Amino acid sequence: ALTMDRQGRVVIPPLLREAAAMAGEVSVLGVQNHLEVWNQKRLLERFKKEPFSEDDGKALSEFGI
Protein backbone atom coordinates (compact mmCIF):
# COMPACT_ATOMS: atom_id res chain seq x y z
CA ALA A 1 0.00 0.00 0.00
CA LEU A 2 1.20 3.45 -0.89
CA THR A 3 0.25 6.73 0.72
CA MET A 4 -0.52 10.10 -0.83
CA ASP A 5 1.47 13.22 -0.19
CA ARG A 6 -0.16 16.53 0.80
CA GLN A 7 -0.94 17.28 -2.85
CA GLY A 8 -2.71 13.95 -3.41
CA ARG A 9 0.14 12.38 -5.36
CA VAL A 10 1.40 8.82 -5.06
CA VAL A 11 4.96 7.89 -5.92
CA ILE A 12 5.20 4.42 -7.40
CA PRO A 13 8.59 2.87 -6.57
CA PRO A 14 10.96 2.37 -9.53
CA LEU A 15 10.93 -1.44 -9.20
CA LEU A 16 7.13 -1.52 -9.60
CA ARG A 17 7.18 1.03 -12.46
CA GLU A 18 9.73 -1.07 -14.34
CA ALA A 19 7.89 -4.36 -13.78
CA ALA A 20 4.63 -2.83 -15.04
CA ALA A 21 6.26 -0.94 -17.96
CA MET A 22 5.08 2.39 -16.56
CA ALA A 23 6.74 4.65 -19.10
CA GLY A 24 4.76 7.11 -21.17
CA GLU A 25 0.97 7.18 -20.88
CA VAL A 26 -0.80 5.33 -18.08
CA SER A 27 -4.43 4.87 -17.06
CA VAL A 28 -5.69 5.07 -13.49
CA LEU A 29 -8.79 2.98 -12.82
CA GLY A 30 -10.97 3.05 -9.71
CA VAL A 31 -11.71 -0.55 -8.71
CA GLN A 32 -14.08 -0.90 -5.73
CA ASN A 33 -11.83 0.20 -2.85
CA HIS A 34 -8.49 0.76 -4.61
CA LEU A 35 -6.85 2.26 -7.69
CA GLU A 36 -5.09 0.36 -10.46
CA VAL A 37 -2.43 2.04 -12.58
CA TRP A 38 -1.99 0.47 -16.01
CA ASN A 39 0.41 0.92 -18.87
CA GLN A 40 -1.91 2.40 -21.53
CA LYS A 41 -0.86 -0.02 -24.28
CA ARG A 42 -1.29 -3.08 -22.04
CA LEU A 43 -4.73 -1.90 -20.92
CA LEU A 44 -5.94 -1.46 -24.49
CA GLU A 45 -4.62 -4.93 -25.38
CA ARG A 46 -6.52 -6.40 -22.43
CA PHE A 47 -9.75 -4.66 -23.52
CA LYS A 48 -9.34 -6.17 -26.98
CA LYS A 49 -8.88 -9.66 -25.51
CA GLU A 50 -11.65 -9.25 -22.92
CA PRO A 51 -14.25 -6.79 -24.27
CA PHE A 52 -17.02 -5.35 -22.11
CA SER A 53 -19.78 -7.97 -21.90
CA GLU A 54 -23.45 -8.08 -21.02
CA ASP A 55 -22.48 -9.71 -17.70
CA ASP A 56 -20.18 -6.76 -17.00
CA GLY A 57 -23.10 -4.40 -17.60
CA LYS A 58 -25.30 -6.38 -15.22
CA ALA A 59 -22.61 -6.30 -12.53
CA LEU A 60 -22.28 -2.52 -12.87
CA SER A 61 -26.03 -2.04 -12.71
CA GLU A 62 -26.00 -3.69 -9.27
CA PHE A 63 -23.89 -0.71 -8.15
CA GLY A 64 -26.25 1.77 -9.79
CA ILE A 65 -23.85 2.51 -12.63
C-alpha atoms as a PDB file:
ATOM      1  CA  ALA A   1       0.000   0.000   0.000  1.00  0.00           C
ATOM      2  CA  LEU A   2       1.205   3.452  -0.892  1.00  0.00           C
ATOM      3  CA  THR A   3       0.253   6.731   0.722  1.00  0.00           C
ATOM      4  CA  MET A   4      -0.523  10.097  -0.835  1.00  0.00           C
ATOM      5  CA  ASP A   5       1.473  13.221  -0.191  1.00  0.00           C
ATOM      6  CA  ARG A   6      -0.160  16.525   0.801  1.00  0.00           C
ATOM      7  CA  GLN A   7      -0.936  17.282  -2.849  1.00  0.00           C
ATOM      8  CA  GLY A   8      -2.713  13.948  -3.412  1.00  0.00           C
ATOM      9  CA  ARG A   9       0.136  12.377  -5.362  1.00  0.00           C
ATOM     10  CA  VAL A  10       1.397   8.821  -5.058  1.00  0.00           C
ATOM     11  CA  VAL A  11       4.962   7.891  -5.919  1.00  0.00           C
ATOM     12  CA  ILE A  12       5.204   4.421  -7.404  1.00  0.00           C
ATOM     13  CA  PRO A  13       8.590   2.871  -6.567  1.00  0.00           C
ATOM     14  CA  PRO A  14      10.958   2.373  -9.528  1.00  0.00           C
ATOM     15  CA  LEU A  15      10.930  -1.442  -9.201  1.00  0.00           C
ATOM     16  CA  LEU A  16       7.129  -1.523  -9.601  1.00  0.00           C
ATOM     17  CA  ARG A  17       7.183   1.030 -12.455  1.00  0.00           C
ATOM     18  CA  GLU A  18       9.730  -1.066 -14.343  1.00  0.00           C
ATOM     19  CA  ALA A  19       7.886  -4.361 -13.781  1.00  0.00           C
ATOM     20  CA  ALA A  20       4.632  -2.833 -15.042  1.00  0.00           C
ATOM     21  CA  ALA A  21       6.259  -0.945 -17.955  1.00  0.00           C
ATOM     22  CA  MET A  22       5.083   2.395 -16.557  1.00  0.00           C
ATOM     23  CA  ALA A  23       6.737   4.648 -19.097  1.00  0.00           C
ATOM     24  CA  GLY A  24       4.756   7.114 -21.168  1.00  0.00           C
ATOM     25  CA  GLU A  25       0.973   7.181 -20.876  1.00  0.00           C
ATOM     26  CA  VAL A  26      -0.805   5.331 -18.082  1.00  0.00           C
ATOM     27  CA  SER A  27      -4.427   4.873 -17.064  1.00  0.00           C
ATOM     28  CA  VAL A  28      -5.689   5.071 -13.489  1.00  0.00           C
ATOM     29  CA  LEU A  29      -8.785   2.976 -12.819  1.00  0.00           C
ATOM     30  CA  GLY A  30     -10.969   3.047  -9.712  1.00  0.00           C
ATOM     31  CA  VAL A  31     -11.715  -0.548  -8.708  1.00  0.00           C
ATOM     32  CA  GLN A  32     -14.079  -0.899  -5.730  1.00  0.00           C
ATOM     33  CA  ASN A  33     -11.832   0.202  -2.848  1.00  0.00           C
ATOM     34  CA  HIS A  34      -8.494   0.759  -4.607  1.00  0.00           C
ATOM     35  CA  LEU A  35      -6.847   2.261  -7.690  1.00  0.00           C
ATOM     36  CA  GLU A  36      -5.094   0.361 -10.465  1.00  0.00           C
ATOM     37  CA  VAL A  37      -2.426   2.041 -12.581  1.00  0.00           C
ATOM     38  CA  TRP A  38      -1.993   0.467 -16.015  1.00  0.00           C
ATOM     39  CA  ASN A  39       0.413   0.920 -18.874  1.00  0.00           C
ATOM     40  CA  GLN A  40      -1.910   2.398 -21.533  1.00  0.00           C
ATOM     41  CA  LYS A  41      -0.862  -0.023 -24.279  1.00  0.00           C
ATOM     42  CA  ARG A  42      -1.288  -3.085 -22.038  1.00  0.00           C
ATOM     43  CA  LEU A  43      -4.726  -1.897 -20.916  1.00  0.00           C
ATOM     44  CA  LEU A  44      -5.942  -1.462 -24.493  1.00  0.00           C
ATOM     45  CA  GLU A  45      -4.620  -4.931 -25.376  1.00  0.00           C
ATOM     46  CA  ARG A  46      -6.522  -6.401 -22.426  1.00  0.00           C
ATOM     47  CA  PHE A  47      -9.746  -4.664 -23.517  1.00  0.00           C
ATOM     48  CA  LYS A  48      -9.345  -6.172 -26.980  1.00  0.00           C
ATOM     49  CA  LYS A  49      -8.882  -9.663 -25.506  1.00  0.00           C
ATOM     50  CA  GLU A  50     -11.652  -9.250 -22.919  1.00  0.00           C
ATOM     51  CA  PRO A  51     -14.248  -6.790 -24.270  1.00  0.00           C
ATOM     52  CA  PHE A  52     -17.022  -5.354 -22.109  1.00  0.00           C
ATOM     53  CA  SER A  53     -19.780  -7.968 -21.903  1.00  0.00           C
ATOM     54  CA  GLU A  54     -23.455  -8.082 -21.023  1.00  0.00           C
ATOM     55  CA  ASP A  55     -22.475  -9.708 -17.701  1.00  0.00           C
ATOM     56  CA  ASP A  56     -20.176  -6.755 -16.997  1.00  0.00           C
ATOM     57  CA  GLY A  57     -23.104  -4.398 -17.600  1.00  0.00           C
ATOM     58  CA  LYS A  58     -25.299  -6.381 -15.217  1.00  0.00           C
ATOM     59  CA  ALA A  59     -22.611  -6.302 -12.528  1.00  0.00           C
ATOM     60  CA  LEU A  60     -22.276  -2.524 -12.869  1.00  0.00           C
ATOM     61  CA  SER A  61     -26.034  -2.043 -12.708  1.00  0.00           C
ATOM     62  CA  GLU A  62     -25.999  -3.687  -9.274  1.00  0.00           C
ATOM     63  CA  PHE A  63     -23.894  -0.710  -8.146  1.00  0.00           C
ATOM     64  CA  GLY A  64     -26.253   1.768  -9.795  1.00  0.00           C
ATOM     65  CA  ILE A  65     -23.851   2.506 -12.634  1.00  0.00           C
END
